[in-house]
PDB file of N, CA and C in Angstrom:
ATOM      1  N   MET A   1     -49.363  -8.886  15.113  1.00  0.00           N
ATOM      2  CA  MET A   1     -47.932  -9.511  15.074  1.00  0.00           C
ATOM      3  C   MET A   1     -48.457 -11.066  16.128  1.00  0.00           C
ATOM      4  N   THR A   2     -48.134 -12.083  16.112  1.00  0.00           N
ATOM      5  CA  THR A   2     -48.723 -13.366  17.019  1.00  0.00           C
ATOM      6  C   THR A   2     -48.106 -13.153  17.836  1.00  0.00           C
ATOM      7  N   PRO A   3     -48.551 -12.821  19.505  1.00  0.00           N
ATOM      8  CA  PRO A   3     -47.463 -12.524  20.766  1.00  0.00           C
ATOM      9  C   PRO A   3     -46.795 -13.763  20.963  1.00  0.00           C
ATOM     10  N   GLY A   4     -44.893 -13.385  21.072  1.00  0.00           N
ATOM     11  CA  GLY A   4     -44.239 -14.026  21.323  1.00  0.00           C
ATOM     12  C   GLY A   4     -42.698 -14.187  20.053  1.00  0.00           C
ATOM     13  N   ILE A   5     -43.757 -13.598  19.174  1.00  0.00           N
ATOM     14  CA  ILE A   5     -42.726 -13.500  17.934  1.00  0.00           C
ATOM     15  C   ILE A   5     -42.527 -11.897  17.893  1.00  0.00           C
ATOM     16  N   PRO A   6     -41.842 -11.010  17.899  1.00  0.00           N
ATOM     17  CA  PRO A   6     -41.381  -9.563  17.483  1.00  0.00           C
ATOM     18  C   PRO A   6     -42.035  -9.641  15.666  1.00  0.00           C
ATOM     19  N   ALA A   7     -42.149  -8.883  15.556  1.00  0.00           N
ATOM     20  CA  ALA A   7     -42.555  -7.801  13.699  1.00  0.00           C
ATOM     21  C   ALA A   7     -41.139  -8.073  13.549  1.00  0.00           C
ATOM     22  N   PRO A   8     -40.865  -8.270  12.077  1.00  0.00           N
ATOM     23  CA  PRO A   8     -40.357  -8.218  11.694  1.00  0.00           C
ATOM     24  C   PRO A   8     -39.362  -6.530  11.255  1.00  0.00           C
ATOM     25  N   ASP A   9     -38.021  -6.585  11.242  1.00  0.00           N
ATOM     26  CA  ASP A   9     -36.959  -5.199  10.952  1.00  0.00           C
ATOM     27  C   ASP A   9     -37.363  -5.862   9.447  1.00  0.00           C
ATOM     28  N   VAL A  10     -37.006  -7.082   8.902  1.00  0.00           N
ATOM     29  CA  VAL A  10     -36.017  -7.214   7.314  1.00  0.00           C
ATOM     30  C   VAL A  10     -37.285  -8.607   7.131  1.00  0.00           C
ATOM     31  N   THR A  11     -37.817  -8.989   6.200  1.00  0.00           N
ATOM     32  CA  THR A  11     -38.206  -9.950   5.522  1.00  0.00           C
ATOM     33  C   THR A  11     -37.674 -10.278   4.514  1.00  0.00           C
ATOM     34  N   VAL A  12     -37.182 -11.746   4.365  1.00  0.00           N
ATOM     35  CA  VAL A  12     -36.327 -12.595   3.246  1.00  0.00           C
ATOM     36  C   VAL A  12     -37.321 -13.315   2.880  1.00  0.00           C
ATOM     37  N   ASP A  13     -37.557 -12.953   1.157  1.00  0.00           N
ATOM     38  CA  ASP A  13     -38.767 -14.172   0.694  1.00  0.00           C
ATOM     39  C   ASP A  13     -37.843 -15.126  -0.135  1.00  0.00           C
ATOM     40  N   GLY A  14     -37.951 -16.185   0.426  1.00  0.00           N
ATOM     41  CA  GLY A  14     -36.805 -17.491  -0.005  1.00  0.00           C
ATOM     42  C   GLY A  14     -37.811 -18.319  -0.606  1.00  0.00           C
ATOM     43  N   THR A  15     -39.400 -17.802  -1.023  1.00  0.00           N
ATOM     44  CA  THR A  15     -40.260 -18.562  -1.548  1.00  0.00           C
ATOM     45  C   THR A  15     -39.627 -19.834  -2.800  1.00  0.00           C
ATOM     46  N   GLY A  16     -39.627 -21.137  -2.483  1.00  0.00           N
ATOM     47  CA  GLY A  16     -39.403 -21.861  -3.746  1.00  0.00           C
ATOM     48  C   GLY A  16     -37.829 -22.243  -4.056  1.00  0.00           C
ATOM     49  N   LEU A  17     -37.363 -21.705  -3.363  1.00  0.00           N
ATOM     50  CA  LEU A  17     -35.484 -22.006  -2.667  1.00  0.00           C
ATOM     51  C   LEU A  17     -35.282 -23.322  -2.052  1.00  0.00           C
ATOM     52  N   LEU A  18     -34.578 -24.034  -2.468  1.00  0.00           N
ATOM     53  CA  LEU A  18     -33.818 -25.000  -1.732  1.00  0.00           C
ATOM     54  C   LEU A  18     -33.012 -23.839  -0.628  1.00  0.00           C
ATOM     55  N   CYS A  19     -32.749 -24.759   0.291  1.00  0.00           N
ATOM     56  CA  CYS A  19     -31.724 -23.574   1.452  1.00  0.00           C
ATOM     57  C   CYS A  19     -30.764 -23.227   1.129  1.00  0.00           C
ATOM     58  N   VAL A  20     -29.645 -24.276   0.223  1.00  0.00           N
ATOM     59  CA  VAL A  20     -28.431 -23.777  -0.177  1.00  0.00           C
ATOM     60  C   VAL A  20     -28.941 -21.879  -0.344  1.00  0.00           C
ATOM     61  N   THR A  21     -29.497 -21.825  -1.958  1.00  0.00           N
ATOM     62  CA  THR A  21     -29.934 -20.419  -1.932  1.00  0.00           C
ATOM     63  C   THR A  21     -31.155 -19.871  -1.216  1.00  0.00           C
ATOM     64  N   LEU A  22     -31.233 -20.524  -0.268  1.00  0.00           N
ATOM     65  CA  LEU A  22     -32.116 -19.704   0.457  1.00  0.00           C
ATOM     66  C   LEU A  22     -31.300 -18.848   1.945  1.00  0.00           C
ATOM     67  N   LEU A  23     -30.168 -19.810   2.072  1.00  0.00           N
ATOM     68  CA  LEU A  23     -29.062 -19.085   3.329  1.00  0.00           C
ATOM     69  C   LEU A  23     -28.085 -18.014   2.054  1.00  0.00           C
ATOM     70  N   LEU A  24     -27.446 -18.474   0.633  1.00  0.00           N
ATOM     71  CA  LEU A  24     -27.269 -17.332  -0.128  1.00  0.00           C
ATOM     72  C   LEU A  24     -27.823 -15.764  -0.071  1.00  0.00           C
ATOM     73  N   ARG A  25     -28.801 -16.179  -0.333  1.00  0.00           N
ATOM     74  CA  ARG A  25     -30.225 -15.050  -0.282  1.00  0.00           C
ATOM     75  C   ARG A  25     -30.044 -14.376   1.045  1.00  0.00           C
ATOM     76  N   LEU A  26     -30.678 -14.758   2.537  1.00  0.00           N
ATOM     77  CA  LEU A  26     -30.649 -14.265   3.622  1.00  0.00           C
ATOM     78  C   LEU A  26     -29.263 -13.463   4.115  1.00  0.00           C
ATOM     79  N   ARG A  27     -28.270 -14.378   3.728  1.00  0.00           N
ATOM     80  CA  ARG A  27     -26.845 -13.581   3.678  1.00  0.00           C
ATOM     81  C   ARG A  27     -26.975 -12.531   3.229  1.00  0.00           C
ATOM     82  N   LYS A  28     -27.388 -12.438   1.858  1.00  0.00           N
ATOM     83  CA  LYS A  28     -27.015 -11.260   1.561  1.00  0.00           C
ATOM     84  C   LYS A  28     -27.658 -10.329   1.803  1.00  0.00           C
ATOM     85  N   GLU A  29     -29.006 -10.464   1.950  1.00  0.00           N
ATOM     86  CA  GLU A  29     -30.201  -9.521   2.478  1.00  0.00           C
ATOM     87  C   GLU A  29     -30.273  -8.834   3.898  1.00  0.00           C
ATOM     88  N   ILE A  30     -29.703  -9.700   4.998  1.00  0.00           N
ATOM     89  CA  ILE A  30     -28.799  -9.296   6.301  1.00  0.00           C
ATOM     90  C   ILE A  30     -28.223  -8.722   6.517  1.00  0.00           C
ATOM     91  N   ASP A  31     -26.843  -8.510   5.212  1.00  0.00           N
ATOM     92  CA  ASP A  31     -25.925  -7.780   5.473  1.00  0.00           C
ATOM     93  C   ASP A  31     -25.776  -6.070   5.377  1.00  0.00           C
ATOM     94  N   GLY A  32     -25.591  -5.723   6.808  1.00  0.00           N
ATOM     95  CA  GLY A  32     -25.268  -4.304   7.221  1.00  0.00           C
ATOM     96  C   GLY A  32     -26.893  -4.169   8.120  1.00  0.00           C
ATOM     97  N   ALA A  33     -27.718  -5.180   7.975  1.00  0.00           N
ATOM     98  CA  ALA A  33     -28.536  -5.034   9.378  1.00  0.00           C
ATOM     99  C   ALA A  33     -28.284  -4.559  10.555  1.00  0.00           C
ATOM    100  N   GLU A  34     -28.786  -3.721  11.311  1.00  0.00           N
ATOM    101  CA  GLU A  34     -28.728  -3.226  12.539  1.00  0.00           C
ATOM    102  C   GLU A  34     -28.480  -5.376  13.796  1.00  0.00           C
ATOM    103  N   PRO A  35     -27.684  -5.401  14.518  1.00  0.00           N
ATOM    104  CA  PRO A  35     -27.702  -6.251  15.759  1.00  0.00           C
ATOM    105  C   PRO A  35     -28.854  -5.997  16.243  1.00  0.00           C
ATOM    106  N   GLY A  36     -29.728  -6.929  16.978  1.00  0.00           N
ATOM    107  CA  GLY A  36     -30.961  -7.004  17.197  1.00  0.00           C
ATOM    108  C   GLY A  36     -31.876  -6.927  16.188  1.00  0.00           C
ATOM    109  N   ALA A  37     -32.113  -6.790  15.396  1.00  0.00           N
ATOM    110  CA  ALA A  37     -32.782  -6.780  14.089  1.00  0.00           C
ATOM    111  C   ALA A  37     -33.370  -8.162  13.815  1.00  0.00           C
ATOM    112  N   VAL A  38     -34.691  -8.121  13.989  1.00  0.00           N
ATOM    113  CA  VAL A  38     -35.664  -9.389  13.549  1.00  0.00           C
ATOM    114  C   VAL A  38     -35.690 -10.031  12.424  1.00  0.00           C
ATOM    115  N   VAL A  39     -35.114 -10.893  11.563  1.00  0.00           N
ATOM    116  CA  VAL A  39     -35.689 -11.365  10.142  1.00  0.00           C
ATOM    117  C   VAL A  39     -37.362 -11.966  10.153  1.00  0.00           C
ATOM    118  N   HIS A  40     -38.160 -11.947   9.707  1.00  0.00           N
ATOM    119  CA  HIS A  40     -38.450 -13.097   8.788  1.00  0.00           C
ATOM    120  C   HIS A  40     -38.036 -13.999   7.686  1.00  0.00           C
ATOM    121  N   VAL A  41     -38.179 -15.317   7.733  1.00  0.00           N
ATOM    122  CA  VAL A  41     -37.575 -15.331   6.041  1.00  0.00           C
ATOM    123  C   VAL A  41     -38.841 -16.631   6.136  1.00  0.00           C
ATOM    124  N   VAL A  42     -39.144 -16.302   4.858  1.00  0.00           N
ATOM    125  CA  VAL A  42     -40.571 -17.177   4.331  1.00  0.00           C
ATOM    126  C   VAL A  42     -39.422 -18.259   3.501  1.00  0.00           C
ATOM    127  N   ALA A  43     -39.959 -19.515   3.820  1.00  0.00           N
ATOM    128  CA  ALA A  43     -38.950 -20.662   3.329  1.00  0.00           C
ATOM    129  C   ALA A  43     -39.974 -21.550   2.916  1.00  0.00           C
ATOM    130  N   THR A  44     -40.509 -22.447   1.684  1.00  0.00           N
ATOM    131  CA  THR A  44     -41.160 -23.524   1.261  1.00  0.00           C
ATOM    132  C   THR A  44     -40.145 -24.632   1.418  1.00  0.00           C
ATOM    133  N   ASP A  45     -39.009 -24.817   1.412  1.00  0.00           N
ATOM    134  CA  ASP A  45     -38.396 -25.934   1.531  1.00  0.00           C
ATOM    135  C   ASP A  45     -38.569 -26.800   2.543  1.00  0.00           C
ATOM    136  N   PRO A  46     -38.316 -27.925   2.615  1.00  0.00           N
ATOM    137  CA  PRO A  46     -38.964 -28.983   3.768  1.00  0.00           C
ATOM    138  C   PRO A  46     -38.210 -29.070   4.875  1.00  0.00           C
ATOM    139  N   ALA A  47     -36.730 -28.545   4.474  1.00  0.00           N
ATOM    140  CA  ALA A  47     -35.602 -28.679   5.207  1.00  0.00           C
ATOM    141  C   ALA A  47     -35.165 -27.126   6.377  1.00  0.00           C
ATOM    142  N   ALA A  48     -35.738 -26.488   6.133  1.00  0.00           N
ATOM    143  CA  ALA A  48     -35.521 -25.035   6.556  1.00  0.00           C
ATOM    144  C   ALA A  48     -36.013 -24.867   7.802  1.00  0.00           C
ATOM    145  N   PRO A  49     -36.495 -26.252   8.607  1.00  0.00           N
ATOM    146  CA  PRO A  49     -37.263 -25.854   9.532  1.00  0.00           C
ATOM    147  C   PRO A  49     -35.684 -26.447  10.296  1.00  0.00           C
ATOM    148  N   LEU A  50     -35.289 -27.327  10.187  1.00  0.00           N
ATOM    149  CA  LEU A  50     -33.941 -28.119  10.444  1.00  0.00           C
ATOM    150  C   LEU A  50     -32.739 -26.981  10.377  1.00  0.00           C
ATOM    151  N   ASP A  51     -32.131 -26.150   9.052  1.00  0.00           N
ATOM    152  CA  ASP A  51     -31.713 -25.812   8.239  1.00  0.00           C
ATOM    153  C   ASP A  51     -31.246 -24.601   9.059  1.00  0.00           C
ATOM    154  N   LEU A  52     -32.484 -23.882   9.424  1.00  0.00           N
ATOM    155  CA  LEU A  52     -32.459 -22.582   9.983  1.00  0.00           C
ATOM    156  C   LEU A  52     -31.883 -22.308  11.319  1.00  0.00           C
ATOM    157  N   PRO A  53     -32.592 -23.313  12.281  1.00  0.00           N
ATOM    158  CA  PRO A  53     -31.446 -23.103  13.399  1.00  0.00           C
ATOM    159  C   PRO A  53     -30.503 -23.440  13.545  1.00  0.00           C
ATOM    160  N   ALA A  54     -30.133 -24.415  12.710  1.00  0.00           N
ATOM    161  CA  ALA A  54     -28.471 -24.485  12.549  1.00  0.00           C
ATOM    162  C   ALA A  54     -27.688 -23.812  12.353  1.00  0.00           C
ATOM    163  N   TRP A  55     -28.302 -22.567  11.172  1.00  0.00           N
ATOM    164  CA  TRP A  55     -27.047 -21.872  10.570  1.00  0.00           C
ATOM    165  C   TRP A  55     -27.306 -20.970  11.785  1.00  0.00           C
ATOM    166  N   CYS A  56     -28.097 -20.678  12.491  1.00  0.00           N
ATOM    167  CA  CYS A  56     -28.181 -19.774  13.329  1.00  0.00           C
ATOM    168  C   CYS A  56     -27.326 -20.116  14.407  1.00  0.00           C
ATOM    169  N   HIS A  57     -26.925 -21.806  14.672  1.00  0.00           N
ATOM    170  CA  HIS A  57     -26.129 -21.961  16.171  1.00  0.00           C
ATOM    171  C   HIS A  57     -25.083 -21.474  15.164  1.00  0.00           C
ATOM    172  N   MET A  58     -24.944 -22.211  14.443  1.00  0.00           N
ATOM    173  CA  MET A  58     -23.326 -21.843  13.913  1.00  0.00           C
ATOM    174  C   MET A  58     -22.297 -19.991  13.716  1.00  0.00           C
ATOM    175  N   THR A  59     -24.000 -19.187  13.130  1.00  0.00           N
ATOM    176  CA  THR A  59     -23.322 -18.206  13.279  1.00  0.00           C
ATOM    177  C   THR A  59     -23.665 -17.130  14.373  1.00  0.00           C
ATOM    178  N   GLY A  60     -23.823 -17.984  15.023  1.00  0.00           N
ATOM    179  CA  GLY A  60     -24.882 -17.006  16.817  1.00  0.00           C
ATOM    180  C   GLY A  60     -25.910 -16.090  16.588  1.00  0.00           C
ATOM    181  N   HIS A  61     -25.959 -16.317  15.506  1.00  0.00           N
ATOM    182  CA  HIS A  61     -27.831 -15.424  15.288  1.00  0.00           C
ATOM    183  C   HIS A  61     -28.437 -16.216  15.863  1.00  0.00           C
ATOM    184  N   HIS A  62     -29.562 -15.362  17.094  1.00  0.00           N
ATOM    185  CA  HIS A  62     -31.139 -15.797  17.814  1.00  0.00           C
ATOM    186  C   HIS A  62     -32.229 -16.701  16.704  1.00  0.00           C
ATOM    187  N   TYR A  63     -32.389 -18.181  17.031  1.00  0.00           N
ATOM    188  CA  TYR A  63     -33.181 -18.868  15.941  1.00  0.00           C
ATOM    189  C   TYR A  63     -34.643 -18.496  16.850  1.00  0.00           C
ATOM    190  N   LEU A  64     -35.694 -17.550  16.854  1.00  0.00           N
ATOM    191  CA  LEU A  64     -37.086 -17.506  17.627  1.00  0.00           C
ATOM    192  C   LEU A  64     -37.759 -18.316  16.769  1.00  0.00           C
ATOM    193  N   GLY A  65     -38.313 -19.300  16.051  1.00  0.00           N
ATOM    194  CA  GLY A  65     -38.886 -20.430  15.583  1.00  0.00           C
ATOM    195  C   GLY A  65     -39.888 -19.764  14.589  1.00  0.00           C
ATOM    196  N   PRO A  66     -41.344 -20.790  14.393  1.00  0.00           N
ATOM    197  CA  PRO A  66     -41.394 -20.179  13.286  1.00  0.00           C
ATOM    198  C   PRO A  66     -42.723 -19.447  13.898  1.00  0.00           C
ATOM    199  N   VAL A  67     -43.304 -18.640  12.847  1.00  0.00           N
ATOM    200  CA  VAL A  67     -44.164 -17.781  13.599  1.00  0.00           C
ATOM    201  C   VAL A  67     -45.362 -18.290  12.706  1.00  0.00           C
ATOM    202  N   PRO A  68     -46.227 -18.894  14.360  1.00  0.00           N
ATOM    203  CA  PRO A  68     -47.595 -19.156  14.507  1.00  0.00           C
ATOM    204  C   PRO A  68     -48.947 -18.338  13.469  1.00  0.00           C
ATOM    205  N   GLY A  69     -49.250 -19.366  13.049  1.00  0.00           N
ATOM    206  CA  GLY A  69     -50.653 -18.028  12.455  1.00  0.00           C
ATOM    207  C   GLY A  69     -50.548 -17.212  11.287  1.00  0.00           C
ATOM    208  N   ASP A  70     -49.389 -18.176  10.741  1.00  0.00           N
ATOM    209  CA  ASP A  70     -49.357 -17.000   8.691  1.00  0.00           C
ATOM    210  C   ASP A  70     -49.554 -18.280   7.772  1.00  0.00           C
ATOM    211  N   SER A  71     -50.124 -17.750   6.844  1.00  0.00           N
ATOM    212  CA  SER A  71     -50.280 -18.825   5.726  1.00  0.00           C
ATOM    213  C   SER A  71     -49.272 -19.746   5.254  1.00  0.00           C
ATOM    214  N   LEU A  72     -47.975 -18.407   5.609  1.00  0.00           N
ATOM    215  CA  LEU A  72     -46.840 -18.926   4.924  1.00  0.00           C
ATOM    216  C   LEU A  72     -45.743 -19.494   5.490  1.00  0.00           C
ATOM    217  N   ASP A  73     -45.000 -20.449   5.274  1.00  0.00           N
ATOM    218  CA  ASP A  73     -44.403 -20.853   6.262  1.00  0.00           C
ATOM    219  C   ASP A  73     -42.936 -19.925   6.359  1.00  0.00           C
ATOM    220  N   ARG A  74     -43.132 -19.707   7.385  1.00  0.00           N
ATOM    221  CA  ARG A  74     -41.929 -18.524   7.861  1.00  0.00           C
ATOM    222  C   ARG A  74     -41.428 -18.340   9.069  1.00  0.00           C
ATOM    223  N   TYR A  75     -40.175 -18.197   9.720  1.00  0.00           N
ATOM    224  CA  TYR A  75     -39.283 -18.097  10.773  1.00  0.00           C
ATOM    225  C   TYR A  75     -38.790 -16.843  10.608  1.00  0.00           C
ATOM    226  N   ALA A  76     -39.002 -16.864  12.505  1.00  0.00           N
ATOM    227  CA  ALA A  76     -38.175 -15.314  12.681  1.00  0.00           C
ATOM    228  C   ALA A  76     -36.316 -15.961  13.179  1.00  0.00           C
ATOM    229  N   LEU A  77     -36.068 -14.912  13.369  1.00  0.00           N
ATOM    230  CA  LEU A  77     -34.618 -15.258  13.837  1.00  0.00           C
ATOM    231  C   LEU A  77     -34.223 -13.379  14.703  1.00  0.00           C
ATOM    232  N   ARG A  78     -32.897 -13.379  15.548  1.00  0.00           N
ATOM    233  CA  ARG A  78     -32.659 -12.142  15.838  1.00  0.00           C
ATOM    234  C   ARG A  78     -31.191 -12.582  15.652  1.00  0.00           C
ATOM    235  N   LEU A  79     -30.849 -10.885  15.219  1.00  0.00           N
ATOM    236  CA  LEU A  79     -29.379 -10.622  14.116  1.00  0.00           C
ATOM    237  C   LEU A  79     -28.335 -11.193  15.998  1.00  0.00           C
ATOM    238  N   ALA A  80     -26.912 -11.361  15.728  1.00  0.00           N
ATOM    239  CA  ALA A  80     -26.426 -10.784  16.609  1.00  0.00           C
ATOM    240  C   ALA A  80     -25.967  -9.903  16.774  1.00  0.00           C
ATOM    241  N   ALA A  81     -25.051  -9.329  17.256  1.00  0.00           N
ATOM    242  CA  ALA A  81     -23.968  -8.073  17.702  1.00  0.00           C
ATOM    243  C   ALA A  81     -22.941  -8.392  16.371  1.00  0.00           C
ATOM    244  N   GLN A  82     -22.137  -9.647  17.326  1.00  0.00           N
ATOM    245  CA  GLN A  82     -21.036 -10.295  16.374  1.00  0.00           C
ATOM    246  C   GLN A  82     -21.186 -11.719  15.909  1.00  0.00           C
ATOM    247  N   PRO A  83     -21.757 -11.904  14.807  1.00  0.00           N
ATOM    248  CA  PRO A  83     -21.909 -13.115  14.816  1.00  0.00           C
ATOM    249  C   PRO A  83     -20.426 -13.773  13.948  1.00  0.00           C
ATOM    250  N   THR A  84     -20.875 -14.632  13.921  1.00  0.00           N
ATOM    251  CA  THR A  84     -19.482 -15.602  13.107  1.00  0.00           C
ATOM    252  C   THR A  84     -19.791 -15.419  11.801  1.00  0.00           C
ATOM    253  N   PRO A  85     -18.326 -15.296  11.162  1.00  0.00           N
ATOM    254  CA  PRO A  85     -18.210 -15.274  10.129  1.00  0.00           C
ATOM    255  C   PRO A  85     -18.526 -16.392   8.638  1.00  0.00           C
ATOM    256  N   THR A  86     -19.333 -16.159   7.679  1.00  0.00           N
ATOM    257  CA  THR A  86     -19.459 -17.268   7.284  1.00  0.00           C
ATOM    258  C   THR A  86     -19.021 -16.957   5.635  1.00  0.00           C
ATOM    259  N   ARG A  87     -18.604 -17.796   4.749  1.00  0.00           N
ATOM    260  CA  ARG A  87     -17.890 -17.407   3.711  1.00  0.00           C
ATOM    261  C   ARG A  87     -19.123 -17.038   3.131  1.00  0.00           C
ATOM    262  N   PRO A  88     -18.657 -16.060   1.838  1.00  0.00           N
ATOM    263  CA  PRO A  88     -19.677 -14.913   0.998  1.00  0.00           C
ATOM    264  C   PRO A  88     -20.584 -16.307  -0.075  1.00  0.00           C
ATOM    265  N   ASP A  89     -19.416 -16.750  -0.723  1.00  0.00           N
ATOM    266  CA  ASP A  89     -20.221 -17.753  -1.490  1.00  0.00           C
ATOM    267  C   ASP A  89     -20.509 -19.117  -0.403  1.00  0.00           C
ATOM    268  N   ALA A  90     -20.531 -19.608   0.390  1.00  0.00           N
ATOM    269  CA  ALA A  90     -20.933 -20.769   1.521  1.00  0.00           C
ATOM    270  C   ALA A  90     -21.563 -20.536   2.384  1.00  0.00           C
ATOM    271  N   PRO A  91     -22.861 -19.956   2.721  1.00  0.00           N
ATOM    272  CA  PRO A  91     -22.845 -19.619   4.042  1.00  0.00           C
ATOM    273  C   PRO A  91     -23.189 -20.304   4.989  1.00  0.00           C
ATOM    274  N   TRP A  92     -23.126 -21.568   4.430  1.00  0.00           N
ATOM    275  CA  TRP A  92     -23.359 -22.255   5.976  1.00  0.00           C
ATOM    276  C   TRP A  92     -21.984 -23.353   5.803  1.00  0.00           C
ATOM    277  N   HIS A  93     -20.701 -22.665   5.853  1.00  0.00           N
ATOM    278  CA  HIS A  93     -19.360 -22.823   6.271  1.00  0.00           C
ATOM    279  C   HIS A  93     -18.518 -21.429   6.790  1.00  0.00           C
ATOM    280  N   ARG A  94     -18.091 -21.476   8.015  1.00  0.00           N
ATOM    281  CA  ARG A  94     -17.657 -20.351   8.533  1.00  0.00           C
ATOM    282  C   ARG A  94     -16.086 -20.026   7.850  1.00  0.00           C
ATOM    283  N   ASP A  95     -15.956 -18.696   8.012  1.00  0.00           N
ATOM    284  CA  ASP A  95     -14.845 -17.998   7.080  1.00  0.00           C
ATOM    285  C   ASP A  95     -13.810 -18.273   7.877  1.00  0.00           C
ATOM    286  N   GLU A  96     -12.455 -18.784   7.734  1.00  0.00           N
ATOM    287  CA  GLU A  96     -11.330 -19.431   8.809  1.00  0.00           C
ATOM    288  C   GLU A  96     -10.365 -18.496   8.014  1.00  0.00           C
TER     289      GLU A  96
END
């Protein structure tokens, strides 16, 4: 693994998905994962480098950045202990 980005505890393959669908898959895949777990997200949507950090900022998860040295577009994040809840059907909106 590249120095600076930890190896993943969970990998979410969002190849070919638009960020809307990617966030739905990501939310489902991390449901029940331990706080502090490192998640690598494979994303081909050109908006992913903007949408993933924004989603992490909104939820409280920690965006670690792109994973360098990989042939795939892969981004890393670390799960927060108490993330802000989001809507099950729309994880880009807070659940209020």
